[in-house]
Amino acid sequence: MTQTAKMVEPGPRQELQCLCGHPVFDGIVFRVRVLRLRPDNVTEGKCRCKRWNPLPLTYTP
């Protein structure tokens, strides 16, 4: 059985930057090396400065 992700809103979204100034999300692509999917439906990405930043991604099992 395969599961597919549902896209809530197609197209580019708002760009996000870390406090250090590095872009972590450019509207289409996540520019992080590590994604953390927390059980409380919060997704975070780790910037190159080692800071966790919230990302606009939701996961439903």
Protein backbone atom coordinates (compact mmCIF):
# COMPACT_ATOMS: atom_id res chain seq x y z
CA MET A 1 0.00 0.00 0.00
CA THR A 2 1.39 3.38 -0.96
CA GLN A 3 0.64 6.65 0.70
CA THR A 4 0.89 9.96 -1.07
CA ALA A 5 1.41 13.38 0.45
CA LYS A 6 -1.28 15.98 -0.07
CA MET A 7 -0.11 19.46 -0.99
CA VAL A 8 -2.16 22.03 0.86
CA GLU A 9 -1.29 25.07 -1.21
CA PRO A 10 0.54 24.68 -4.53
CA GLY A 11 3.23 27.10 -5.56
CA PRO A 12 6.01 28.94 -3.76
CA ARG A 13 5.62 29.94 -0.13
CA GLN A 14 7.21 32.59 2.03
CA GLU A 15 11.00 32.44 2.25
CA LEU A 16 12.54 31.78 5.66
CA GLN A 17 15.94 32.74 7.01
CA CYS A 18 17.77 31.73 10.15
CA LEU A 19 18.83 34.38 12.66
CA CYS A 20 22.37 34.05 11.25
CA GLY A 21 21.07 35.20 7.84
CA HIS A 22 21.35 31.87 6.00
CA PRO A 23 18.22 30.95 3.99
CA VAL A 24 16.70 27.71 5.32
CA PHE A 25 13.72 27.70 2.91
CA ASP A 26 13.64 29.57 -0.38
CA GLY A 27 9.91 29.18 -1.05
CA ILE A 28 10.21 25.85 -2.86
CA VAL A 29 13.33 24.02 -1.60
CA PHE A 30 14.47 23.37 1.98
CA ARG A 31 18.12 24.45 2.32
CA VAL A 32 18.86 22.41 5.45
CA ARG A 33 20.77 19.19 5.95
CA VAL A 34 18.64 17.75 8.78
CA LEU A 35 14.85 17.73 9.18
CA ARG A 36 13.22 16.92 12.51
CA LEU A 37 9.58 15.77 12.50
CA ARG A 38 8.28 16.12 16.05
CA PRO A 39 5.22 14.23 17.33
CA ASP A 40 3.37 17.51 18.05
CA ASN A 41 3.23 18.15 14.25
CA VAL A 42 6.08 20.69 14.27
CA THR A 43 8.82 20.36 11.66
CA GLU A 44 12.23 21.92 12.19
CA GLY A 45 15.34 22.19 10.06
CA LYS A 46 18.88 22.54 11.32
CA CYS A 47 20.80 25.49 9.89
CA ARG A 48 24.54 25.39 9.25
CA CYS A 49 24.98 27.45 12.45
CA LYS A 50 23.41 24.50 14.37
CA ARG A 51 20.18 26.39 15.23
CA TRP A 52 16.80 24.64 14.79
CA ASN A 53 14.28 26.65 12.74
CA PRO A 54 10.56 25.91 12.28
CA LEU A 55 9.62 24.96 8.71
CA PRO A 56 6.27 25.03 6.85
CA LEU A 57 5.95 21.24 6.49
CA THR A 58 3.34 18.99 8.05
CA TYR A 59 3.46 15.23 8.35
CA THR A 60 0.52 12.91 8.91
CA PRO A 61 1.24 9.19 9.27
